[in-house]
Amino acid sequence: MLEVLKALRHQRVIPVIRTAGSTHAIQSICSLESAGMQVVELTMTIPDVFNVVDHCRQKWPDVILAMGTIRTAEQAQRAIDAGISLLITYKASEEIAQCAQNNKVPYILGACTPSEVDQCLQLGSPIIKWFPASIGGPEIIRDLQGPMPEAQFFPTGGITLDAMPRWFAAGALAVGIGGDLIGTGTVSPDMITNRARKAIELTRHFC
């Protein structure tokens, strides 16, 4: 469990794959792995997402797969049974936290208000997904760490590669990037690899 969170903290930029098809998702993981990324977030909204998980576990066994956009404990359990190493949700969900704890799988709960941040902390989430990051901007997580210094933030939703430094400077532990890294299906595999390498390079200035 600790090794998974340690890998996330080390990589700091987590690609969020939310594609319209499983083939594009698999191709994206191939490109990201080629760039040296070892932690990748898939989302429950990908068609046949568990076939993607099975394919990736066989082809890239060292890649740590997280499952995001989990809405229910049933989805969480299915992801765990499929071999997912990290659960991520956009809400402060007691049932998802309990499912993860019962299975000894690390989890990240989500928040977009101070009260929800506090609830996530009470539910044992060591890292909090701040979503959507496009609302409020980076400074808000710095302000939240004033009254809640133990909160570690993982903002996602609308973050671009160019905006990454501002989020790190504001205290973000890691960031999730989807569209600006993966694209919508028109971005070539080589371009995804190049963008991923750029993202990794940017994080080195904030280690």
C-alpha atoms as a PDB file:
ATOM      1  CA  MET A   1       0.000   0.000   0.000  1.00  0.00           C
ATOM      2  CA  LEU A   2       2.711   2.467   0.985  1.00  0.00           C
ATOM      3  CA  GLU A   3       4.736   1.649  -2.144  1.00  0.00           C
ATOM      4  CA  VAL A   4       1.828   2.722  -4.371  1.00  0.00           C
ATOM      5  CA  LEU A   5       1.495   6.113  -2.701  1.00  0.00           C
ATOM      6  CA  LYS A   6       5.274   6.500  -2.691  1.00  0.00           C
ATOM      7  CA  ALA A   7       5.295   5.963  -6.478  1.00  0.00           C
ATOM      8  CA  LEU A   8       2.574   8.581  -6.916  1.00  0.00           C
ATOM      9  CA  ARG A   9       4.499  11.080  -4.814  1.00  0.00           C
ATOM     10  CA  HIS A  10       7.646  10.372  -6.822  1.00  0.00           C
ATOM     11  CA  GLN A  11       6.044  10.724 -10.260  1.00  0.00           C
ATOM     12  CA  ARG A  12       3.953  13.764  -9.222  1.00  0.00           C
ATOM     13  CA  VAL A  13       2.171  14.102 -12.577  1.00  0.00           C
ATOM     14  CA  ILE A  14      -0.442  11.387 -13.076  1.00  0.00           C
ATOM     15  CA  PRO A  15      -1.938  10.890 -16.541  1.00  0.00           C
ATOM     16  CA  VAL A  16      -5.716  10.529 -16.427  1.00  0.00           C
ATOM     17  CA  ILE A  17      -7.001   8.390 -19.282  1.00  0.00           C
ATOM     18  CA  ARG A  18     -10.636   9.058 -20.137  1.00  0.00           C
ATOM     19  CA  THR A  19     -11.030   7.831 -23.702  1.00  0.00           C
ATOM     20  CA  ALA A  20     -14.023   6.955 -25.867  1.00  0.00           C
ATOM     21  CA  GLY A  21     -12.606   3.521 -26.645  1.00  0.00           C
ATOM     22  CA  SER A  22     -10.448   0.823 -25.101  1.00  0.00           C
ATOM     23  CA  THR A  23      -8.003   0.716 -28.032  1.00  0.00           C
ATOM     24  CA  HIS A  24      -7.086   4.374 -27.565  1.00  0.00           C
ATOM     25  CA  ALA A  25      -6.672   3.781 -23.826  1.00  0.00           C
ATOM     26  CA  ILE A  26      -4.237   0.901 -24.399  1.00  0.00           C
ATOM     27  CA  GLN A  27      -2.282   2.887 -26.989  1.00  0.00           C
ATOM     28  CA  SER A  28      -2.060   5.795 -24.559  1.00  0.00           C
ATOM     29  CA  ILE A  29      -0.670   3.583 -21.792  1.00  0.00           C
ATOM     30  CA  CYS A  30       1.920   2.234 -24.233  1.00  0.00           C
ATOM     31  CA  SER A  31       3.028   5.791 -25.042  1.00  0.00           C
ATOM     32  CA  LEU A  32       3.105   6.817 -21.386  1.00  0.00           C
ATOM     33  CA  GLU A  33       5.077   3.746 -20.354  1.00  0.00           C
ATOM     34  CA  SER A  34       7.582   4.479 -23.116  1.00  0.00           C
ATOM     35  CA  ALA A  35       8.077   7.928 -21.607  1.00  0.00           C
ATOM     36  CA  GLY A  36       8.869   6.403 -18.221  1.00  0.00           C
ATOM     37  CA  MET A  37       5.563   6.885 -16.419  1.00  0.00           C
ATOM     38  CA  GLN A  38       4.858   4.099 -13.929  1.00  0.00           C
ATOM     39  CA  VAL A  39       1.582   5.354 -12.412  1.00  0.00           C
ATOM     40  CA  VAL A  40      -1.443   5.731 -14.686  1.00  0.00           C
ATOM     41  CA  GLU A  41      -5.068   6.476 -13.852  1.00  0.00           C
ATOM     42  CA  LEU A  42      -7.826   4.864 -15.891  1.00  0.00           C
ATOM     43  CA  THR A  43     -11.435   5.950 -15.433  1.00  0.00           C
ATOM     44  CA  MET A  44     -14.571   3.888 -15.022  1.00  0.00           C
ATOM     45  CA  THR A  45     -16.057   5.740 -18.003  1.00  0.00           C
ATOM     46  CA  ILE A  46     -13.776   3.982 -20.526  1.00  0.00           C
ATOM     47  CA  PRO A  47     -15.750   1.357 -22.474  1.00  0.00           C
ATOM     48  CA  ASP A  48     -14.642  -2.180 -21.479  1.00  0.00           C
ATOM     49  CA  VAL A  49     -12.257  -0.659 -18.964  1.00  0.00           C
ATOM     50  CA  PHE A  50     -11.620  -3.959 -17.194  1.00  0.00           C
ATOM     51  CA  ASN A  51     -10.467  -5.527 -20.464  1.00  0.00           C
ATOM     52  CA  VAL A  52      -7.994  -2.638 -20.639  1.00  0.00           C
ATOM     53  CA  VAL A  53      -6.863  -3.427 -17.094  1.00  0.00           C
ATOM     54  CA  ASP A  54      -6.371  -7.110 -17.917  1.00  0.00           C
ATOM     55  CA  HIS A  55      -4.412  -6.321 -21.092  1.00  0.00           C
ATOM     56  CA  CYS A  56      -2.158  -3.835 -19.308  1.00  0.00           C
ATOM     57  CA  ARG A  57      -1.447  -6.071 -16.342  1.00  0.00           C
ATOM     58  CA  GLN A  58      -0.222  -8.741 -18.746  1.00  0.00           C
ATOM     59  CA  LYS A  59       1.798  -6.469 -21.045  1.00  0.00           C
ATOM     60  CA  TRP A  60       3.121  -3.917 -18.530  1.00  0.00           C
ATOM     61  CA  PRO A  61       3.125  -5.656 -15.127  1.00  0.00           C
ATOM     62  CA  ASP A  62       5.287  -2.959 -13.543  1.00  0.00           C
ATOM     63  CA  VAL A  63       2.852  -0.141 -14.351  1.00  0.00           C
ATOM     64  CA  ILE A  64       0.749   0.852 -11.330  1.00  0.00           C
ATOM     65  CA  LEU A  65      -2.865   1.178 -12.438  1.00  0.00           C
ATOM     66  CA  ALA A  66      -5.240   3.440 -10.540  1.00  0.00           C
ATOM     67  CA  MET A  67      -8.988   3.483 -11.190  1.00  0.00           C
ATOM     68  CA  GLY A  68     -10.709   6.848 -11.102  1.00  0.00           C
ATOM     69  CA  THR A  69     -14.293   8.113 -11.358  1.00  0.00           C
ATOM     70  CA  ILE A  70     -15.413   5.394  -8.956  1.00  0.00           C
ATOM     71  CA  ARG A  71     -18.929   6.164  -7.783  1.00  0.00           C
ATOM     72  CA  THR A  72     -19.973   3.154  -5.682  1.00  0.00           C
ATOM     73  CA  ALA A  73     -18.542   0.498  -3.392  1.00  0.00           C
ATOM     74  CA  GLU A  74     -19.533  -2.102  -5.987  1.00  0.00           C
ATOM     75  CA  GLN A  75     -17.369  -0.413  -8.601  1.00  0.00           C
ATOM     76  CA  ALA A  76     -14.547  -0.165  -6.096  1.00  0.00           C
ATOM     77  CA  GLN A  77     -14.729  -3.867  -5.318  1.00  0.00           C
ATOM     78  CA  ARG A  78     -14.804  -4.785  -8.988  1.00  0.00           C
ATOM     79  CA  ALA A  79     -11.712  -2.643  -9.603  1.00  0.00           C
ATOM     80  CA  ILE A  80      -9.907  -4.301  -6.707  1.00  0.00           C
ATOM     81  CA  ASP A  81     -10.854  -7.768  -7.967  1.00  0.00           C
ATOM     82  CA  ALA A  82      -9.460  -6.814 -11.388  1.00  0.00           C
ATOM     83  CA  GLY A  83      -6.092  -5.993  -9.841  1.00  0.00           C
ATOM     84  CA  ILE A  84      -6.251  -2.215  -9.554  1.00  0.00           C
ATOM     85  CA  SER A  85      -3.628  -0.854  -7.128  1.00  0.00           C
ATOM     86  CA  LEU A  86      -5.215   2.496  -6.197  1.00  0.00           C
ATOM     87  CA  LEU A  87      -8.815   3.723  -5.971  1.00  0.00           C
ATOM     88  CA  ILE A  88      -9.639   7.348  -6.795  1.00  0.00           C
ATOM     89  CA  THR A  89     -13.000   9.057  -6.464  1.00  0.00           C
ATOM     90  CA  TYR A  90     -14.168  12.631  -6.851  1.00  0.00           C
ATOM     91  CA  LYS A  91     -16.218  12.612  -3.627  1.00  0.00           C
ATOM     92  CA  ALA A  92     -15.913  12.101   0.119  1.00  0.00           C
ATOM     93  CA  SER A  93     -17.415   8.617   0.109  1.00  0.00           C
ATOM     94  CA  GLU A  94     -17.537   6.586   3.303  1.00  0.00           C
ATOM     95  CA  GLU A  95     -18.562   3.398   1.470  1.00  0.00           C
ATOM     96  CA  ILE A  96     -15.645   3.587  -0.973  1.00  0.00           C
ATOM     97  CA  ALA A  97     -13.230   4.301   1.877  1.00  0.00           C
ATOM     98  CA  GLN A  98     -14.581   1.314   3.796  1.00  0.00           C
ATOM     99  CA  CYS A  99     -14.281  -0.984   0.772  1.00  0.00           C
ATOM    100  CA  ALA A 100     -10.678   0.069   0.241  1.00  0.00           C
ATOM    101  CA  GLN A 101      -9.830  -0.382   3.916  1.00  0.00           C
ATOM    102  CA  ASN A 102     -11.415  -3.834   4.011  1.00  0.00           C
ATOM    103  CA  ASN A 103      -9.273  -4.886   1.041  1.00  0.00           C
ATOM    104  CA  LYS A 104      -6.123  -3.068   2.240  1.00  0.00           C
ATOM    105  CA  VAL A 105      -5.966  -1.033  -0.981  1.00  0.00           C
ATOM    106  CA  PRO A 106      -4.883   2.649  -0.936  1.00  0.00           C
ATOM    107  CA  TYR A 107      -7.504   5.206  -1.864  1.00  0.00           C
ATOM    108  CA  ILE A 108      -7.866   8.899  -2.644  1.00  0.00           C
ATOM    109  CA  LEU A 109     -11.167  10.599  -1.845  1.00  0.00           C
ATOM    110  CA  GLY A 110     -12.286  13.826  -3.505  1.00  0.00           C
ATOM    111  CA  ALA A 111     -13.398  17.267  -2.387  1.00  0.00           C
ATOM    112  CA  CYS A 112     -14.263  20.708  -3.706  1.00  0.00           C
ATOM    113  CA  THR A 113     -15.130  22.498  -0.443  1.00  0.00           C
ATOM    114  CA  PRO A 114     -13.358  22.915   2.918  1.00  0.00           C
ATOM    115  CA  SER A 115     -16.006  20.772   4.635  1.00  0.00           C
ATOM    116  CA  GLU A 116     -15.438  17.962   2.147  1.00  0.00           C
ATOM    117  CA  VAL A 117     -11.683  18.186   2.654  1.00  0.00           C
ATOM    118  CA  ASP A 118     -12.223  17.767   6.376  1.00  0.00           C
ATOM    119  CA  GLN A 119     -14.538  14.815   5.749  1.00  0.00           C
ATOM    120  CA  CYS A 120     -11.934  13.138   3.520  1.00  0.00           C
ATOM    121  CA  LEU A 121      -9.354  13.482   6.286  1.00  0.00           C
ATOM    122  CA  GLN A 122     -11.741  11.962   8.807  1.00  0.00           C
ATOM    123  CA  LEU A 123     -12.331   9.045   6.422  1.00  0.00           C
ATOM    124  CA  GLY A 124      -8.598   8.318   6.364  1.00  0.00           C
ATOM    125  CA  SER A 125      -7.734   9.573   2.892  1.00  0.00           C
ATOM    126  CA  PRO A 126      -3.972  10.325   3.030  1.00  0.00           C
ATOM    127  CA  ILE A 127      -4.206  12.321  -0.202  1.00  0.00           C
ATOM    128  CA  ILE A 128      -7.209  14.360  -1.342  1.00  0.00           C
ATOM    129  CA  LYS A 129      -8.291  14.782  -4.939  1.00  0.00           C
ATOM    130  CA  TRP A 130      -9.216  18.444  -5.437  1.00  0.00           C
ATOM    131  CA  PHE A 131     -11.771  18.415  -8.261  1.00  0.00           C
ATOM    132  CA  PRO A 132     -12.453  20.208 -10.477  1.00  0.00           C
ATOM    133  CA  ALA A 133      -9.178  22.075 -10.310  1.00  0.00           C
ATOM    134  CA  SER A 134     -10.444  24.558 -12.896  1.00  0.00           C
ATOM    135  CA  ILE A 135     -12.569  26.158 -10.155  1.00  0.00           C
ATOM    136  CA  GLY A 136     -10.641  28.422  -7.819  1.00  0.00           C
ATOM    137  CA  GLY A 137      -7.105  28.030  -9.126  1.00  0.00           C
ATOM    138  CA  PRO A 138      -3.931  26.853  -7.354  1.00  0.00           C
ATOM    139  CA  GLU A 139      -3.984  29.362  -4.508  1.00  0.00           C
ATOM    140  CA  ILE A 140      -7.026  27.716  -2.940  1.00  0.00           C
ATOM    141  CA  ILE A 141      -5.097  24.617  -1.853  1.00  0.00           C
ATOM    142  CA  ARG A 142      -2.484  26.800  -0.166  1.00  0.00           C
ATOM    143  CA  ASP A 143      -5.290  28.529   1.741  1.00  0.00           C
ATOM    144  CA  LEU A 144      -6.842  25.207   2.737  1.00  0.00           C
ATOM    145  CA  GLN A 145      -3.573  23.940   4.160  1.00  0.00           C
ATOM    146  CA  GLY A 146      -3.645  26.793   6.666  1.00  0.00           C
ATOM    147  CA  PRO A 147      -6.405  25.309   8.863  1.00  0.00           C
ATOM    148  CA  MET A 148      -5.740  21.737   7.672  1.00  0.00           C
ATOM    149  CA  PRO A 149      -1.942  21.403   7.353  1.00  0.00           C
ATOM    150  CA  GLU A 150      -2.116  17.602   7.212  1.00  0.00           C
ATOM    151  CA  ALA A 151      -4.087  17.706   3.938  1.00  0.00           C
ATOM    152  CA  GLN A 152      -2.102  16.642   0.871  1.00  0.00           C
ATOM    153  CA  PHE A 153      -3.714  17.657  -2.405  1.00  0.00           C
ATOM    154  CA  PHE A 154      -3.940  15.955  -5.783  1.00  0.00           C
ATOM    155  CA  PRO A 155      -5.752  18.460  -8.031  1.00  0.00           C
ATOM    156  CA  THR A 156      -7.250  17.254 -11.311  1.00  0.00           C
ATOM    157  CA  GLY A 157      -9.654  18.573 -13.905  1.00  0.00           C
ATOM    158  CA  GLY A 158      -8.596  21.137 -16.490  1.00  0.00           C
ATOM    159  CA  ILE A 159      -4.915  21.302 -15.532  1.00  0.00           C
ATOM    160  CA  THR A 160      -2.494  21.854 -18.397  1.00  0.00           C
ATOM    161  CA  LEU A 161       1.224  21.136 -18.637  1.00  0.00           C
ATOM    162  CA  ASP A 162       1.934  24.859 -18.600  1.00  0.00           C
ATOM    163  CA  ALA A 163      -0.115  25.299 -15.399  1.00  0.00           C
ATOM    164  CA  MET A 164       1.652  22.504 -13.506  1.00  0.00           C
ATOM    165  CA  PRO A 165       4.360  24.737 -11.956  1.00  0.00           C
ATOM    166  CA  ARG A 166       1.723  27.005 -10.381  1.00  0.00           C
ATOM    167  CA  TRP A 167       0.018  24.049  -8.710  1.00  0.00           C
ATOM    168  CA  PHE A 168       3.287  22.668  -7.378  1.00  0.00           C
ATOM    169  CA  ALA A 169       4.303  26.097  -6.127  1.00  0.00           C
ATOM    170  CA  ALA A 170       0.981  26.296  -4.271  1.00  0.00           C
ATOM    171  CA  GLY A 171       1.740  23.043  -2.486  1.00  0.00           C
ATOM    172  CA  ALA A 172       0.140  20.310  -4.602  1.00  0.00           C
ATOM    173  CA  LEU A 173       1.601  16.883  -3.873  1.00  0.00           C
ATOM    174  CA  ALA A 174       0.812  15.717  -7.402  1.00  0.00           C
ATOM    175  CA  VAL A 175      -1.453  16.710 -10.276  1.00  0.00           C
ATOM    176  CA  GLY A 176      -3.661  14.738 -12.636  1.00  0.00           C
ATOM    177  CA  ILE A 177      -3.642  15.715 -16.305  1.00  0.00           C
ATOM    178  CA  GLY A 178      -5.974  14.274 -18.925  1.00  0.00           C
ATOM    179  CA  GLY A 179      -6.848  16.209 -22.059  1.00  0.00           C
ATOM    180  CA  ASP A 180      -3.649  18.235 -22.324  1.00  0.00           C
ATOM    181  CA  LEU A 181      -1.585  15.054 -22.113  1.00  0.00           C
ATOM    182  CA  ILE A 182      -3.680  12.350 -23.789  1.00  0.00           C
ATOM    183  CA  GLY A 183      -5.913  14.353 -26.090  1.00  0.00           C
ATOM    184  CA  THR A 184      -9.229  13.155 -27.511  1.00  0.00           C
ATOM    185  CA  GLY A 185      -8.043  10.561 -30.006  1.00  0.00           C
ATOM    186  CA  THR A 186      -6.404  12.821 -32.559  1.00  0.00           C
ATOM    187  CA  VAL A 187      -3.050  13.023 -30.765  1.00  0.00           C
ATOM    188  CA  SER A 188      -0.419  10.645 -32.140  1.00  0.00           C
ATOM    189  CA  PRO A 189       1.274   8.085 -29.861  1.00  0.00           C
ATOM    190  CA  ASP A 190       4.627   9.816 -30.350  1.00  0.00           C
ATOM    191  CA  MET A 191       3.123  13.153 -29.309  1.00  0.00           C
ATOM    192  CA  ILE A 192       1.704  11.613 -26.134  1.00  0.00           C
ATOM    193  CA  THR A 193       5.158  10.209 -25.333  1.00  0.00           C
ATOM    194  CA  ASN A 194       6.780  13.598 -25.942  1.00  0.00           C
ATOM    195  CA  ARG A 195       4.202  15.385 -23.779  1.00  0.00           C
ATOM    196  CA  ALA A 196       4.704  12.828 -21.006  1.00  0.00           C
ATOM    197  CA  ARG A 197       8.470  13.354 -21.109  1.00  0.00           C
ATOM    198  CA  LYS A 198       7.939  17.104 -20.913  1.00  0.00           C
ATOM    199  CA  ALA A 199       5.676  16.632 -17.893  1.00  0.00           C
ATOM    200  CA  ILE A 200       8.266  14.463 -16.141  1.00  0.00           C
ATOM    201  CA  GLU A 201      10.956  17.045 -16.850  1.00  0.00           C
ATOM    202  CA  LEU A 202       8.806  19.839 -15.403  1.00  0.00           C
ATOM    203  CA  THR A 203       8.324  17.963 -12.136  1.00  0.00           C
ATOM    204  CA  ARG A 204      12.076  17.755 -11.567  1.00  0.00           C
ATOM    205  CA  HIS A 205      12.162  21.452 -10.758  1.00  0.00           C
ATOM    206  CA  PHE A 206       9.838  20.862  -7.785  1.00  0.00           C
ATOM    207  CA  CYS A 207      11.327  17.703  -6.244  1.00  0.00           C
END
